[in-house]
Amino acid sequence: MIEFMADSTNQPTIGILALQGAFDAHARMLQSIGAKTALIRKPEQLASVDGLVIPGGESSTFLKHLEVAGFFDTLAEFVSAKPTFGTCAGVILMAKEVLNPAQKSLGALDVTVERNAYGRQNDSRILEAETSLPGGPIEMVYIRAPRITRIGPAVETLAEREGFPTLVRQGHLLAATFHPELSHDPRVHQLFLDSVKHWDSVKSLQV
């Protein structure tokens, strides 16, 4: 696994916020589909990646780590401008509104999220659901998962559980309330990698 490597080719580099959570599983999944990865532990490292994954974990613990050295503000600036993919706690950090209880967030993704809405650790489960992604139903691994209870008009729902969105996209942002990195299905990570490549192409045309 690459701890940190500057982008030396035309292939985009995907950063993975490595403060806690299953960041190594995200790295392995991305590398399995040919992506370059970099583990991000310092705010200045964000300048050298083209997209970012915010993994699961404990969102309040994430916030404590992000209070160091202006990391929160640097991350907020990155997420507002570059492709970012949040899973589980990552969705909570990206959301515009967080409930149960309310807490600080990056406010980038126009959704309302309820923390631990699907129960605690012993309520964790693996489900399958229909998705608008090609290839049939998608496997969804839930571990103390949040629930998206509201989406804004610019947010597209790609998969649901019990009528609530579980995989959503808003422009350059992608979010999953489940853990696709713990599945054998690479489609969600491939979707994000493709969005990073598309974003880079669009930016190149604007220069």
Protein backbone atom coordinates (compact mmCIF):
# COMPACT_ATOMS: atom_id res chain seq x y z
CA MET A 1 0.00 0.00 0.00
CA ILE A 2 1.30 3.49 -0.83
CA GLU A 3 1.60 5.68 2.26
CA PHE A 4 1.91 8.82 0.17
CA MET A 5 3.01 9.36 -3.39
CA ALA A 6 2.75 12.41 -5.60
CA ASP A 7 1.00 11.96 -8.92
CA SER A 8 3.78 11.28 -11.43
CA THR A 9 1.60 10.14 -14.35
CA ASN A 10 -1.67 11.13 -15.96
CA GLN A 11 -3.51 8.58 -13.82
CA PRO A 12 -5.41 10.31 -10.99
CA THR A 13 -4.39 9.64 -7.41
CA ILE A 14 -7.15 8.84 -4.93
CA GLY A 15 -6.50 9.92 -1.38
CA ILE A 16 -8.02 8.02 1.54
CA LEU A 17 -8.47 9.84 4.82
CA ALA A 18 -6.48 7.55 7.13
CA LEU A 19 -7.31 8.90 10.57
CA GLN A 20 -9.44 5.89 11.56
CA GLY A 21 -11.80 3.34 10.02
CA ALA A 22 -11.26 0.77 7.25
CA PHE A 23 -9.08 2.98 5.08
CA ASP A 24 -6.89 0.01 4.14
CA ALA A 25 -9.91 -1.86 2.72
CA HIS A 26 -10.73 1.15 0.52
CA ALA A 27 -7.13 1.24 -0.68
CA ARG A 28 -7.17 -2.45 -1.60
CA MET A 29 -10.47 -2.10 -3.46
CA LEU A 30 -9.26 0.94 -5.42
CA GLN A 31 -5.95 -0.71 -6.24
CA SER A 32 -7.80 -3.81 -7.48
CA ILE A 33 -9.42 -1.66 -10.19
CA GLY A 34 -6.15 -0.02 -11.16
CA ALA A 35 -6.27 3.18 -9.12
CA LYS A 36 -3.32 4.88 -7.49
CA THR A 37 -3.90 5.56 -3.78
CA ALA A 38 -2.40 7.71 -1.06
CA LEU A 39 -3.17 7.60 2.66
CA ILE A 40 -3.95 11.09 3.94
CA ARG A 41 -3.02 11.91 7.54
CA LYS A 42 -1.99 15.57 7.22
CA PRO A 43 -3.95 18.47 5.69
CA GLU A 44 -1.12 19.48 3.35
CA GLN A 45 -1.26 16.05 1.67
CA LEU A 46 -4.68 16.89 0.21
CA ALA A 47 -3.00 19.21 -2.30
CA SER A 48 -1.46 16.23 -4.13
CA VAL A 49 -4.56 14.06 -4.69
CA ASP A 50 -7.31 14.28 -7.31
CA GLY A 51 -10.11 12.71 -5.29
CA LEU A 52 -10.71 11.64 -1.71
CA VAL A 53 -12.42 8.81 0.16
CA ILE A 54 -13.71 9.52 3.68
CA PRO A 55 -14.16 6.04 5.22
CA GLY A 56 -16.41 4.78 7.97
CA GLY A 57 -15.60 4.84 11.65
CA GLU A 58 -16.88 7.12 14.41
CA SER A 59 -17.82 10.56 13.10
CA SER A 60 -17.28 12.35 16.44
CA THR A 61 -13.79 10.83 16.64
CA PHE A 62 -13.09 12.02 13.10
CA LEU A 63 -14.01 15.55 14.19
CA LYS A 64 -11.55 15.43 17.08
CA HIS A 65 -8.73 14.41 14.71
CA LEU A 66 -9.73 17.15 12.26
CA GLU A 67 -9.45 19.86 14.92
CA VAL A 68 -5.64 19.59 14.68
CA ALA A 69 -3.68 22.10 12.56
CA GLY A 70 -6.65 23.48 10.64
CA PHE A 71 -7.40 20.09 9.07
CA PHE A 72 -11.18 20.60 9.15
CA ASP A 73 -11.07 23.85 7.14
CA THR A 74 -8.62 22.39 4.60
CA LEU A 75 -10.81 19.32 4.20
CA ALA A 76 -13.95 21.44 3.79
CA GLU A 77 -12.26 23.42 1.01
CA PHE A 78 -11.20 20.21 -0.75
CA VAL A 79 -14.64 18.58 -0.52
CA SER A 80 -16.33 21.69 -1.92
CA ALA A 81 -14.11 21.63 -5.00
CA LYS A 82 -12.91 18.08 -5.77
CA PRO A 83 -14.47 14.59 -6.06
CA THR A 84 -15.11 13.09 -2.64
CA PHE A 85 -16.65 9.74 -1.68
CA GLY A 86 -17.94 9.19 1.85
CA THR A 87 -19.01 5.86 3.38
CA CYS A 88 -20.97 5.44 6.63
CA ALA A 89 -19.36 7.97 9.01
CA GLY A 90 -17.99 9.70 5.91
CA VAL A 91 -21.57 10.47 4.86
CA ILE A 92 -22.21 12.02 8.28
CA LEU A 93 -19.17 14.26 7.91
CA MET A 94 -20.21 15.35 4.40
CA ALA A 95 -23.91 15.98 5.18
CA LYS A 96 -25.49 19.39 5.41
CA GLU A 97 -27.53 18.36 8.46
CA VAL A 98 -26.77 15.70 11.12
CA LEU A 99 -29.31 14.47 13.68
CA ASN A 100 -29.45 11.96 16.57
CA PRO A 101 -27.65 13.93 17.96
CA ALA A 102 -26.81 17.02 15.95
CA GLN A 103 -23.11 17.62 15.33
CA LYS A 104 -20.71 19.68 13.26
CA SER A 105 -20.19 18.62 9.65
CA LEU A 106 -18.62 19.76 6.38
CA GLY A 107 -22.05 20.73 5.03
CA ALA A 108 -21.19 19.81 1.42
CA LEU A 109 -23.77 17.13 0.58
CA ASP A 110 -27.39 18.36 0.58
CA VAL A 111 -28.83 15.58 2.75
CA THR A 112 -30.05 15.10 6.31
CA VAL A 113 -28.51 12.12 8.11
CA GLU A 114 -29.54 10.34 11.31
CA ARG A 115 -26.64 8.70 13.13
CA ASN A 116 -26.87 4.99 14.08
CA ALA A 117 -30.39 4.86 12.63
CA TYR A 118 -30.12 1.18 11.64
CA GLY A 119 -29.12 0.07 15.13
CA ARG A 120 -25.91 -0.72 16.93
CA GLN A 121 -23.11 -3.19 16.24
CA ASN A 122 -25.24 -6.32 16.82
CA ASP A 123 -27.76 -5.04 14.25
CA SER A 124 -25.13 -5.08 11.50
CA ARG A 125 -26.10 -7.08 8.42
CA ILE A 126 -25.48 -7.71 4.73
CA LEU A 127 -28.32 -6.99 2.31
CA GLU A 128 -28.85 -6.86 -1.44
CA ALA A 129 -30.78 -4.11 -3.19
CA GLU A 130 -31.60 -2.94 -6.67
CA THR A 131 -29.44 -0.13 -8.02
CA SER A 132 -29.34 2.08 -11.07
CA LEU A 133 -25.72 1.00 -11.58
CA PRO A 134 -25.30 -1.55 -14.38
CA GLY A 135 -24.85 -5.15 -13.30
CA GLY A 136 -27.89 -6.01 -11.19
CA PRO A 137 -28.47 -5.87 -7.40
CA ILE A 138 -25.71 -4.52 -5.19
CA GLU A 139 -24.44 -6.00 -1.92
CA MET A 140 -24.65 -3.58 1.01
CA VAL A 141 -22.71 -4.21 4.24
CA TYR A 142 -24.18 -2.29 7.19
CA ILE A 143 -22.29 -1.63 10.43
CA ARG A 144 -24.00 0.84 12.80
CA ALA A 145 -25.12 2.66 9.69
CA PRO A 146 -26.62 6.15 9.40
CA ARG A 147 -29.87 6.79 7.53
CA ILE A 148 -30.38 9.49 4.91
CA THR A 149 -33.83 10.95 5.70
CA ARG A 150 -33.84 13.92 3.31
CA ILE A 151 -32.16 14.68 0.00
CA GLY A 152 -31.91 17.99 -1.79
CA PRO A 153 -33.11 18.57 -5.37
CA ALA A 154 -29.61 18.15 -6.82
CA VAL A 155 -29.04 14.77 -5.13
CA GLU A 156 -29.53 11.60 -7.20
CA THR A 157 -30.48 8.33 -5.48
CA LEU A 158 -28.67 5.26 -6.89
CA ALA A 159 -29.82 2.64 -4.34
CA GLU A 160 -32.27 2.41 -1.43
CA ARG A 161 -33.07 0.45 1.73
CA GLU A 162 -36.66 0.42 2.98
CA GLY A 163 -37.43 3.52 0.92
CA PHE A 164 -34.46 5.52 2.22
CA PRO A 165 -31.48 6.43 -0.01
CA THR A 166 -28.32 4.41 0.66
CA LEU A 167 -26.17 5.43 -2.32
CA VAL A 168 -26.42 9.01 -3.56
CA ARG A 169 -24.59 11.35 -5.90
CA GLN A 170 -24.50 15.14 -6.06
CA GLY A 171 -22.22 16.54 -8.75
CA HIS A 172 -18.66 15.64 -7.73
CA LEU A 173 -19.81 14.04 -4.44
CA LEU A 174 -20.69 10.35 -3.87
CA ALA A 175 -21.94 8.87 -0.61
CA ALA A 176 -22.91 5.40 0.64
CA THR A 177 -24.42 4.68 4.07
CA PHE A 178 -23.09 1.12 3.76
CA HIS A 179 -19.52 -0.23 3.37
CA PRO A 180 -18.79 -1.11 -0.29
CA GLU A 181 -15.12 -1.61 0.61
CA LEU A 182 -16.13 -4.72 2.60
CA SER A 183 -17.90 -6.27 -0.39
CA HIS A 184 -16.41 -8.14 -3.34
CA ASP A 185 -18.33 -5.85 -5.71
CA PRO A 186 -16.11 -3.04 -7.08
CA ARG A 187 -18.85 -1.10 -8.88
CA VAL A 188 -19.23 1.74 -6.36
CA HIS A 189 -15.49 2.38 -6.23
CA GLN A 190 -15.33 2.15 -10.02
CA LEU A 191 -18.09 4.74 -10.24
CA PHE A 192 -16.05 7.07 -8.03
CA LEU A 193 -12.82 6.48 -9.94
CA ASP A 194 -14.61 7.21 -13.21
CA SER A 195 -16.01 10.43 -11.72
CA VAL A 196 -12.51 11.56 -10.72
CA LYS A 197 -11.24 10.91 -14.24
CA HIS A 198 -14.21 12.79 -15.72
CA TRP A 199 -13.68 15.69 -13.31
CA ASP A 200 -10.01 15.92 -14.32
CA SER A 201 -11.02 15.98 -17.99
CA VAL A 202 -13.54 18.75 -17.41
CA LYS A 203 -11.00 20.82 -15.47
CA SER A 204 -8.41 20.35 -18.22
CA LEU A 205 -10.84 21.73 -20.80
CA GLN A 206 -11.50 24.78 -18.62
CA VAL A 207 -7.81 25.69 -18.35
